[in-house]
Amino acid sequence: MNSTMEKPYVVGIDIGGTNTVFGIVDARGTIIASDSIKTAGYPTAEEYADEVCRHLLPLIVANGGVDKIRGIGIGAPNGNYYTGTIEFAPNLPWKGVIPLAAMFEERLDIPTALTNDANAAAIGEMTYGAARGMKDFIMITLGTGVGSGIVINGQMVYGHDGFAGELGHVIARREGRVCGCGRKGCLETYCSATGVARTARELLAARTEPSSLRDIPAESITSKDVYDAAVKGDKLAQEIFEFTGNILGEALADAIAFSSPEAIVLFGGLAKSGDYIMNPIKKAIEDNVLNIYKGKTKLLVSELRDSDAAVLGASALAWELKDLKE
């Protein structure tokens, strides 16, 4: 009897700056039970881990108990796969190095793996989504920041320290916008949801033509507002997407030169902006990619539902784990 039969489920935990979502997942990628808690509000990581377990354990018990769980996978900002630790995450309440995987193993006696959120998304896409069967692809997550997960020869690229694959912090414009990381011109400052809002504010200030975006207080404009305006035919909003897509496409043309991926998979709210963003990205890739790569790399949008993707991605890590007791 193989162990998937004995242990048919894995647990996925997605740790975000605001919410922590967790669920029990079967081999087909169906979330059979899930719950969430707020990430902040726990003075220590230990108390936070206790609280997650307090909500997670009843779900596990209701689905056959700990013996049915093969492993736990955690996706977290600044998560290090090699060490199972979260290291100096700017958007999480606990400072320094947090040995989170070990905390869950101690509490639940289930093998636990941890990686960063964009790597988790890539593994989810490879296990359950648009990158099934692919050995070489790059996942780009377009959220508050820009994250990436790079898969080469069927393996996640972690680098020698566990932190490889930060395409969001490749410089897209020398001496460009100041980034939260302290450097200037990072891709993230232009192509994240936050970057799109920043572009909107800059363009509205620099230009005089009418736009429905002028009806919104500048500091509260979101990328969703820009999308809604673009759909209604707002020329300025459409131009914001062109500007954003062009910078992202240029950066992706460079990324293609690095690993010649079969596909680049885009994930997150911005990726759902359809042709407004996809057309400029495709054109910029086409205009900037080295000749030998032209037309070879597919540009895909994630097949995983936004609400489920993070938990599925984290859970996919757990299929690879060896049993603690073996």
Protein backbone atom coordinates (compact mmCIF):
# COMPACT_ATOMS: atom_id res chain seq x y z
CA MET A 1 0.00 0.00 0.00
CA ASN A 2 1.52 3.35 -0.92
CA SER A 3 1.61 6.16 1.56
CA THR A 4 -0.74 8.42 -0.43
CA MET A 5 -3.44 5.88 0.31
CA GLU A 6 -2.62 5.79 4.01
CA LYS A 7 -2.06 9.54 4.19
CA PRO A 8 -4.35 11.04 1.55
CA TYR A 9 -4.19 14.67 2.69
CA VAL A 10 -1.78 17.56 3.16
CA VAL A 11 -2.20 20.87 4.97
CA GLY A 12 -1.46 24.23 3.34
CA ILE A 13 -0.89 27.37 5.41
CA ASP A 14 -0.59 30.77 3.73
CA ILE A 15 0.76 33.52 5.96
CA GLY A 16 -0.04 37.01 4.72
CA GLY A 17 0.58 40.36 6.38
CA THR A 18 -3.13 40.61 7.18
CA ASN A 19 -4.62 37.11 7.22
CA THR A 20 -3.38 33.56 7.67
CA VAL A 21 -5.43 31.05 5.70
CA PHE A 22 -5.09 27.28 6.08
CA GLY A 23 -6.78 24.23 4.66
CA ILE A 24 -6.70 20.49 4.21
CA VAL A 25 -6.08 19.48 0.60
CA ASP A 26 -6.43 16.16 -1.23
CA ALA A 27 -4.21 14.86 -4.05
CA ARG A 28 -6.45 16.40 -6.74
CA GLY A 29 -6.04 19.87 -5.29
CA THR A 30 -9.46 20.11 -3.67
CA ILE A 31 -9.56 22.07 -0.43
CA ILE A 32 -11.80 19.92 1.74
CA ALA A 33 -11.77 22.16 4.82
CA SER A 34 -10.36 25.60 5.56
CA ASP A 35 -10.32 28.42 8.08
CA SER A 36 -8.39 31.62 8.74
CA ILE A 37 -7.15 33.90 11.51
CA LYS A 38 -5.71 37.42 11.55
CA THR A 39 -1.91 37.30 11.36
CA ALA A 40 -1.23 40.23 13.68
CA GLY A 41 -2.25 40.60 17.32
CA TYR A 42 -0.07 37.85 18.80
CA PRO A 43 2.85 39.24 20.82
CA THR A 44 5.04 36.23 20.00
CA ALA A 45 5.32 33.77 17.13
CA GLU A 46 4.74 30.97 19.67
CA GLU A 47 1.32 32.37 20.60
CA TYR A 48 0.54 32.79 16.93
CA ALA A 49 1.46 29.13 16.20
CA ASP A 50 -0.71 28.04 19.16
CA GLU A 51 -3.67 29.94 17.71
CA VAL A 52 -3.26 28.48 14.21
CA CYS A 53 -3.13 24.98 15.72
CA ARG A 54 -6.21 25.69 17.85
CA HIS A 55 -8.17 26.31 14.63
CA LEU A 56 -6.42 23.75 12.47
CA LEU A 57 -6.59 20.72 14.76
CA PRO A 58 -10.42 20.42 14.74
CA LEU A 59 -10.32 20.41 10.90
CA ILE A 60 -7.71 17.63 10.95
CA VAL A 61 -9.69 15.61 13.52
CA ALA A 62 -12.90 15.99 11.51
CA ASN A 63 -11.11 14.52 8.46
CA GLY A 64 -9.62 11.37 9.94
CA GLY A 65 -7.01 12.77 12.32
CA VAL A 66 -3.28 13.41 12.21
CA ASP A 67 -2.57 9.94 10.77
CA LYS A 68 -4.24 10.96 7.52
CA ILE A 69 -1.99 14.00 7.02
CA ARG A 70 1.18 13.46 5.02
CA GLY A 71 2.69 16.85 5.78
CA ILE A 72 2.22 20.57 6.23
CA GLY A 73 3.41 23.20 3.77
CA ILE A 74 3.71 26.85 4.70
CA GLY A 75 4.06 29.82 2.33
CA ALA A 76 5.27 33.01 4.02
CA PRO A 77 7.02 36.26 3.17
CA ASN A 78 10.81 35.83 3.52
CA GLY A 79 10.35 32.10 4.10
CA ASN A 80 13.54 30.04 3.74
CA TYR A 81 13.00 26.50 2.44
CA TYR A 82 16.42 25.29 3.58
CA THR A 83 15.99 26.25 7.22
CA GLY A 84 12.20 26.33 7.71
CA THR A 85 12.56 29.84 9.09
CA ILE A 86 11.01 33.23 8.31
CA GLU A 87 13.83 35.76 8.23
CA PHE A 88 13.39 39.49 8.82
CA ALA A 89 9.98 39.76 7.12
CA PRO A 90 9.10 43.46 6.90
CA ASN A 91 5.33 42.86 6.73
CA LEU A 92 5.03 40.39 9.62
CA PRO A 93 4.73 41.33 13.29
CA TRP A 94 7.67 39.21 14.54
CA LYS A 95 11.19 40.46 14.07
CA GLY A 96 14.35 38.50 13.34
CA VAL A 97 14.55 34.81 12.49
CA ILE A 98 11.47 32.71 13.36
CA PRO A 99 11.81 28.87 13.25
CA LEU A 100 8.20 28.43 12.20
CA ALA A 101 8.35 24.98 10.57
CA ALA A 102 9.85 23.55 13.77
CA MET A 103 7.10 25.18 15.85
CA PHE A 104 4.41 23.33 13.87
CA GLU A 105 6.31 20.02 13.95
CA GLU A 106 6.56 20.32 17.75
CA ARG A 107 2.89 21.07 18.19
CA LEU A 108 1.36 18.61 15.71
CA ASP A 109 4.07 15.99 15.14
CA ILE A 110 3.58 16.30 11.36
CA PRO A 111 6.54 16.97 9.02
CA THR A 112 6.46 20.62 7.93
CA ALA A 113 8.13 22.50 5.08
CA LEU A 114 8.17 26.24 4.54
CA THR A 115 9.01 28.46 1.58
CA ASN A 116 8.32 31.99 0.44
CA ASP A 117 4.87 32.87 -0.89
CA ALA A 118 5.87 33.29 -4.55
CA ASN A 119 7.73 29.95 -4.57
CA ALA A 120 4.65 28.34 -3.02
CA ALA A 121 2.53 29.81 -5.83
CA ALA A 122 4.93 28.34 -8.42
CA ILE A 123 4.81 24.89 -6.81
CA GLY A 124 1.00 25.09 -6.70
CA GLU A 125 0.87 26.01 -10.38
CA MET A 126 3.19 23.11 -11.23
CA THR A 127 1.22 20.61 -9.14
CA TYR A 128 -2.37 21.70 -9.80
CA GLY A 129 -2.43 24.52 -12.38
CA ALA A 130 -1.23 26.06 -15.64
CA ALA A 131 2.33 24.72 -15.32
CA ARG A 132 1.39 21.03 -14.89
CA GLY A 133 3.99 18.91 -16.64
CA MET A 134 6.37 21.81 -17.23
CA LYS A 135 10.01 21.53 -16.22
CA ASP A 136 11.01 25.14 -16.91
CA PHE A 137 8.83 28.11 -16.09
CA ILE A 138 8.78 31.36 -14.17
CA MET A 139 5.94 32.38 -11.90
CA ILE A 140 5.38 36.10 -11.38
CA THR A 141 3.04 37.18 -8.59
CA LEU A 142 1.63 40.69 -9.00
CA GLY A 143 0.26 41.79 -5.65
CA THR A 144 1.28 44.42 -3.11
CA GLY A 145 4.78 43.62 -4.34
CA VAL A 146 6.16 41.61 -7.25
CA GLY A 147 7.26 38.10 -6.32
CA SER A 148 8.69 35.33 -8.44
CA GLY A 149 9.32 31.62 -8.35
CA ILE A 150 11.74 30.13 -10.87
CA VAL A 151 11.59 26.44 -11.83
CA ILE A 152 14.46 24.93 -13.83
CA ASN A 153 14.64 21.25 -14.83
CA GLY A 154 11.57 20.60 -12.68
CA GLN A 155 13.16 22.06 -9.56
CA MET A 156 12.54 25.25 -7.65
CA VAL A 157 15.58 27.51 -7.69
CA TYR A 158 16.52 28.37 -4.10
CA GLY A 159 20.16 29.43 -4.52
CA HIS A 160 22.82 28.68 -1.93
CA ASP A 161 21.04 30.57 0.86
CA GLY A 162 17.38 29.73 0.16
CA PHE A 163 16.46 33.18 -1.15
CA ALA A 164 17.05 32.98 -4.93
CA GLY A 165 14.51 34.29 -7.41
CA GLU A 166 13.65 37.85 -6.47
CA LEU A 167 12.80 39.25 -9.89
CA GLY A 168 10.68 41.95 -8.24
CA HIS A 169 13.94 43.49 -7.07
CA VAL A 170 15.71 43.48 -10.40
CA ILE A 171 16.27 47.13 -11.36
CA ALA A 172 13.81 48.07 -14.11
CA ARG A 173 14.81 51.76 -14.22
CA ARG A 174 18.21 52.93 -12.95
CA GLU A 175 17.77 55.75 -10.41
CA GLY A 176 14.01 55.18 -10.65
CA ARG A 177 11.33 55.08 -7.96
CA VAL A 178 12.42 54.48 -4.37
CA CYS A 179 11.53 50.93 -3.26
CA GLY A 180 10.62 49.63 0.20
CA CYS A 181 13.87 47.61 0.07
CA GLY A 182 15.85 50.87 0.13
CA ARG A 183 17.07 50.70 -3.47
CA LYS A 184 15.85 52.61 -6.52
CA GLY A 185 13.96 51.53 -9.62
CA CYS A 186 12.99 47.96 -8.62
CA LEU A 187 10.46 46.25 -10.91
CA GLU A 188 8.15 46.05 -7.89
CA THR A 189 7.83 49.85 -7.74
CA TYR A 190 6.27 49.88 -11.24
CA CYS A 191 4.46 46.58 -11.79
CA SER A 192 2.87 45.70 -8.47
CA ALA A 193 -0.70 46.79 -7.67
CA THR A 194 0.90 49.49 -5.53
CA GLY A 195 3.10 50.50 -8.47
CA VAL A 196 0.09 50.89 -10.76
CA ALA A 197 -1.55 53.23 -8.23
CA ARG A 198 1.71 55.18 -8.05
CA THR A 199 1.80 55.51 -11.85
CA ALA A 200 -1.82 56.70 -11.81
CA ARG A 201 -0.98 59.47 -9.32
CA GLU A 202 2.09 60.53 -11.33
CA LEU A 203 0.24 60.64 -14.66
CA LEU A 204 -2.77 62.48 -13.24
CA ALA A 205 -0.47 65.13 -11.77
CA ALA A 206 1.61 65.50 -14.94
CA ARG A 207 -1.26 65.65 -17.42
CA THR A 208 -4.34 67.76 -17.88
CA GLU A 209 -6.74 65.63 -19.96
CA PRO A 210 -10.00 64.48 -18.38
CA SER A 211 -10.19 61.10 -16.66
CA SER A 212 -12.74 59.52 -14.33
CA LEU A 213 -9.79 58.74 -12.03
CA ARG A 214 -9.74 62.46 -11.15
CA ASP A 215 -12.99 61.88 -9.22
CA ILE A 216 -11.12 59.72 -6.70
CA PRO A 217 -8.85 61.31 -4.06
CA ALA A 218 -5.33 60.69 -5.45
CA GLU A 219 -3.97 58.94 -2.36
CA SER A 220 -6.79 56.38 -2.32
CA ILE A 221 -6.63 55.27 -5.99
CA THR A 222 -6.13 51.48 -6.33
CA SER A 223 -5.14 49.33 -9.31
CA LYS A 224 -8.75 48.07 -9.34
CA ASP A 225 -9.97 51.66 -9.88
CA VAL A 226 -7.59 51.96 -12.84
CA TYR A 227 -8.92 48.71 -14.30
CA ASP A 228 -12.56 49.76 -13.86
CA ALA A 229 -11.82 53.06 -15.60
CA ALA A 230 -9.96 51.32 -18.45
CA VAL A 231 -12.92 49.01 -19.08
CA LYS A 232 -15.18 52.06 -19.38
CA GLY A 233 -12.89 53.43 -22.10
CA ASP A 234 -10.88 55.90 -20.00
CA LYS A 235 -7.84 56.71 -22.18
CA LEU A 236 -5.57 57.72 -19.31
CA ALA A 237 -6.32 54.51 -17.41
CA GLN A 238 -5.54 52.46 -20.52
CA GLU A 239 -2.26 54.34 -20.84
CA ILE A 240 -1.35 53.46 -17.23
CA PHE A 241 -1.70 49.77 -18.13
CA GLU A 242 0.38 50.26 -21.27
CA PHE A 243 3.15 51.90 -19.26
CA THR A 244 3.02 49.11 -16.64
CA GLY A 245 2.84 46.26 -19.16
CA ASN A 246 5.72 47.71 -21.14
CA ILE A 247 8.06 47.76 -18.13
CA LEU A 248 7.01 44.26 -17.08
CA GLY A 249 7.48 42.92 -20.62
CA GLU A 250 10.99 44.41 -20.82
CA ALA A 251 11.92 42.75 -17.52
CA LEU A 252 10.44 39.42 -18.64
CA ALA A 253 12.46 39.57 -21.87
CA ASP A 254 15.57 39.74 -19.66
CA ALA A 255 14.31 36.88 -17.49
CA ILE A 256 13.81 34.74 -20.61
CA ALA A 257 17.49 35.25 -21.49
CA PHE A 258 18.36 33.83 -18.08
CA SER A 259 16.46 30.52 -18.05
CA SER A 260 14.63 30.18 -21.41
CA PRO A 261 11.38 29.11 -19.74
CA GLU A 262 8.61 27.23 -21.55
CA ALA A 263 6.17 29.65 -19.97
CA ILE A 264 5.85 32.67 -17.75
CA VAL A 265 2.79 32.39 -15.53
CA LEU A 266 1.28 35.59 -14.15
CA PHE A 267 -0.69 35.50 -10.94
CA GLY A 268 -2.62 38.07 -8.91
CA GLY A 269 -5.22 40.77 -9.43
CA LEU A 270 -3.28 42.62 -12.13
CA ALA A 271 -2.96 39.47 -14.24
CA LYS A 272 -6.76 39.47 -14.43
CA SER A 273 -6.77 42.85 -16.19
CA GLY A 274 -6.99 41.02 -19.52
CA ASP A 275 -5.81 42.56 -22.78
CA TYR A 276 -5.22 45.99 -21.19
CA ILE A 277 -2.13 44.60 -19.52
CA MET A 278 -1.43 41.43 -21.55
CA ASN A 279 -1.13 43.14 -24.93
CA PRO A 280 1.53 45.64 -23.81
CA ILE A 281 3.44 42.86 -21.98
CA LYS A 282 3.42 40.64 -25.09
CA LYS A 283 4.50 43.51 -27.32
CA ALA A 284 7.33 44.53 -24.97
CA ILE A 285 8.58 40.94 -24.75
CA GLU A 286 8.45 40.66 -28.54
CA ASP A 287 10.29 43.98 -29.00
CA ASN A 288 12.99 43.27 -26.42
CA VAL A 289 13.66 39.54 -26.39
CA LEU A 290 16.79 38.11 -27.99
CA ASN A 291 16.10 36.68 -31.46
CA ILE A 292 16.78 33.04 -30.57
CA TYR A 293 13.98 33.13 -27.96
CA LYS A 294 11.34 34.90 -30.08
CA GLY A 295 7.93 33.24 -29.94
CA LYS A 296 9.16 30.35 -27.76
CA THR A 297 7.96 31.31 -24.29
CA LYS A 298 4.22 31.20 -23.59
CA LEU A 299 2.67 33.94 -21.46
CA LEU A 300 -0.04 32.37 -19.29
CA VAL A 301 -2.38 33.51 -16.55
CA SER A 302 -2.61 31.34 -13.43
CA GLU A 303 -5.35 28.70 -13.45
CA LEU A 304 -5.71 28.69 -9.68
CA ARG A 305 -8.50 30.70 -8.04
CA ASP A 306 -7.02 33.67 -6.18
CA SER A 307 -8.71 32.69 -2.95
CA ASP A 308 -7.38 29.11 -3.07
CA ALA A 309 -4.04 29.51 -4.80
CA ALA A 310 -1.92 30.39 -1.79
CA VAL A 311 -3.21 27.50 0.31
CA LEU A 312 -2.90 25.07 -2.62
CA GLY A 313 0.62 26.26 -3.35
CA ALA A 314 1.71 25.85 0.24
CA SER A 315 0.05 22.43 0.47
CA ALA A 316 1.83 21.20 -2.68
CA LEU A 317 5.15 21.53 -0.81
CA ALA A 318 3.97 18.89 1.63
CA TRP A 319 3.61 16.03 -0.90
CA GLU A 320 7.40 15.90 -1.13
CA LEU A 321 7.98 15.54 2.61
CA LYS A 322 9.33 12.38 4.19
CA ASP A 323 7.47 11.07 7.22
CA LEU A 324 9.01 12.21 10.53
CA LYS A 325 8.52 8.76 11.98
CA GLU A 326 10.06 6.84 9.08
